[in-house]
C-alpha atoms as a PDB file:
ATOM      1  CA  MET A   1       3.556   6.277  25.879  1.00  0.00           C
ATOM      2  CA  PHE A   2       5.406   4.108  23.819  1.00  0.00           C
ATOM      3  CA  PRO A   3       7.169   4.723  20.302  1.00  0.00           C
ATOM      4  CA  VAL A   4       5.920   2.362  17.491  1.00  0.00           C
ATOM      5  CA  THR A   5       5.714   2.284  13.801  1.00  0.00           C
ATOM      6  CA  ASP A   6       3.086   1.057  11.486  1.00  0.00           C
ATOM      7  CA  GLU A   7       5.381  -2.402  11.239  1.00  0.00           C
ATOM      8  CA  TYR A   8       4.491  -3.182  14.554  1.00  0.00           C
ATOM      9  CA  VAL A   9       0.505  -2.507  14.425  1.00  0.00           C
ATOM     10  CA  LYS A  10      -1.127  -6.052  13.639  1.00  0.00           C
ATOM     11  CA  ARG A  11      -5.030  -4.434  13.415  1.00  0.00           C
ATOM     12  CA  GLU A  12      -7.170  -1.757  14.434  1.00  0.00           C
ATOM     13  CA  TYR A  13      -7.654  -1.458  18.367  1.00  0.00           C
ATOM     14  CA  ILE A  14     -10.992  -3.108  19.436  1.00  0.00           C
ATOM     15  CA  PHE A  15     -12.614  -1.932  22.626  1.00  0.00           C
ATOM     16  CA  ASN A  16     -16.213  -3.562  23.752  1.00  0.00           C
ATOM     17  CA  GLY A  17     -16.445  -5.156  20.478  1.00  0.00           C
ATOM     18  CA  SER A  18     -16.308  -2.046  18.292  1.00  0.00           C
ATOM     19  CA  GLN A  19     -13.304  -0.759  16.626  1.00  0.00           C
ATOM     20  CA  LEU A  20     -12.100   2.356  17.944  1.00  0.00           C
ATOM     21  CA  GLN A  21     -11.461   5.025  15.597  1.00  0.00           C
ATOM     22  CA  ILE A  22     -10.324   8.816  16.108  1.00  0.00           C
ATOM     23  CA  THR A  23     -12.742  10.824  13.896  1.00  0.00           C
ATOM     24  CA  SER A  24     -12.301  14.104  15.000  1.00  0.00           C
ATOM     25  CA  GLU A  25      -9.470  16.218  13.987  1.00  0.00           C
ATOM     26  CA  LYS A  26      -9.644  18.106  17.090  1.00  0.00           C
ATOM     27  CA  ILE A  27      -9.226  14.854  19.411  1.00  0.00           C
ATOM     28  CA  GLY A  28      -6.386  13.902  16.727  1.00  0.00           C
ATOM     29  CA  SER A  29      -4.600  17.193  17.424  1.00  0.00           C
ATOM     30  CA  GLN A  30      -5.295  17.074  21.230  1.00  0.00           C
ATOM     31  CA  ILE A  31      -3.524  13.553  21.626  1.00  0.00           C
ATOM     32  CA  GLU A  32      -0.724  14.786  19.421  1.00  0.00           C
ATOM     33  CA  THR A  33      -0.265  17.660  21.723  1.00  0.00           C
ATOM     34  CA  GLN A  34      -0.443  15.589  25.281  1.00  0.00           C
ATOM     35  CA  ALA A  35       2.073  12.834  23.550  1.00  0.00           C
ATOM     36  CA  LYS A  36       4.599  15.884  22.590  1.00  0.00           C
ATOM     37  CA  ALA A  37       4.123  16.971  26.188  1.00  0.00           C
ATOM     38  CA  VAL A  38       4.853  13.767  27.632  1.00  0.00           C
ATOM     39  CA  LEU A  39       7.768  13.324  25.222  1.00  0.00           C
ATOM     40  CA  SER A  40       9.199  16.703  26.403  1.00  0.00           C
ATOM     41  CA  ARG A  41       8.867  15.687  29.974  1.00  0.00           C
ATOM     42  CA  ILE A  42      10.640  12.173  29.228  1.00  0.00           C
ATOM     43  CA  ARG A  43      13.472  14.046  27.615  1.00  0.00           C
ATOM     44  CA  LEU A  44      13.923  15.985  30.782  1.00  0.00           C
ATOM     45  CA  GLY A  45      14.130  13.159  32.785  1.00  0.00           C
ATOM     46  CA  TYR A  46      10.637  12.862  34.417  1.00  0.00           C
ATOM     47  CA  LYS A  47       9.787   9.161  35.233  1.00  0.00           C
ATOM     48  CA  PHE A  48       6.020   8.316  35.077  1.00  0.00           C
ATOM     49  CA  SER A  49       6.435   5.018  36.199  1.00  0.00           C
ATOM     50  CA  PRO A  50       8.935   3.038  38.140  1.00  0.00           C
ATOM     51  CA  THR A  51       8.850   0.051  35.326  1.00  0.00           C
ATOM     52  CA  GLN A  52       8.846   2.550  32.300  1.00  0.00           C
ATOM     53  CA  PRO A  53      10.319   1.540  29.421  1.00  0.00           C
ATOM     54  CA  ASP A  54      13.770   3.432  27.779  1.00  0.00           C
ATOM     55  CA  VAL A  55      11.242   5.274  25.543  1.00  0.00           C
ATOM     56  CA  LEU A  56      14.505   7.648  24.157  1.00  0.00           C
ATOM     57  CA  LYS A  57      16.428   4.279  23.136  1.00  0.00           C
ATOM     58  CA  ILE A  58      13.301   2.851  21.637  1.00  0.00           C
ATOM     59  CA  GLU A  59      12.647   5.916  19.489  1.00  0.00           C
ATOM     60  CA  LYS A  60      16.340   6.145  18.595  1.00  0.00           C
ATOM     61  CA  ILE A  61      16.466   2.564  17.064  1.00  0.00           C
ATOM     62  CA  LEU A  62      13.156   2.985  15.279  1.00  0.00           C
ATOM     63  CA  LEU A  63      14.230   6.403  13.646  1.00  0.00           C
ATOM     64  CA  GLU A  64      17.549   4.732  12.720  1.00  0.00           C
ATOM     65  CA  LYS A  65      15.309   1.800  11.476  1.00  0.00           C
ATOM     66  CA  ILE A  66      13.383   4.263   9.230  1.00  0.00           C
ATOM     67  CA  ALA A  67      16.396   5.925   7.968  1.00  0.00           C
ATOM     68  CA  ALA A  68      17.979   2.646   7.046  1.00  0.00           C
ATOM     69  CA  ASN A  69      14.786   1.450   5.008  1.00  0.00           C
ATOM     70  CA  LYS A  70      14.728   4.838   3.058  1.00  0.00           C
ATOM     71  CA  LYS A  71      18.210   4.482   2.376  1.00  0.00           C
ATOM     72  CA  SER A  72      17.871   0.956   0.930  1.00  0.00           C
ATOM     73  CA  GLU A  73      14.977   2.183  -0.868  1.00  0.00           C
ATOM     74  CA  GLU A  74      16.984   4.937  -2.574  1.00  0.00           C
ATOM     75  CA  THR A  75      19.835   2.392  -3.041  1.00  0.00           C
ATOM     76  CA  GLU A  76      17.360   0.112  -4.856  1.00  0.00           C
ATOM     77  CA  GLY A  77      15.824   2.399  -7.063  1.00  0.00           C
ATOM     78  CA  TYR A  78      19.254   3.405  -8.140  1.00  0.00           C
ATOM     79  CA  LYS A  79      20.328  -0.245  -9.336  1.00  0.00           C
ATOM     80  CA  ILE A  80      16.979  -0.505 -10.993  1.00  0.00           C
ATOM     81  CA  GLU A  81      17.766   2.355 -13.119  1.00  0.00           C
ATOM     82  CA  GLN A  82      21.025   1.529 -13.715  1.00  0.00           C
ATOM     83  CA  ILE A  83      20.084  -1.879 -14.950  1.00  0.00           C
ATOM     84  CA  CYS A  84      17.485  -0.521 -17.305  1.00  0.00           C
END
């Protein structure tokens, strides 16, 4: 499991020449549940692979970036209102 935001996804995942889509809410829910379980174990210190990336550090960086972008958008909106 590797944290990622929309910014880093270029295109759909293609498998055997076909676009892979999750069309069932049940499957999407199962994936989300399993991802949360993996993340919980990582937070407890589990290592799934000797070459496992520092998922928690990556998550922290991405969350900080998202927060900074939201703050920037709010500030830009305020500046526009002040000018008008």
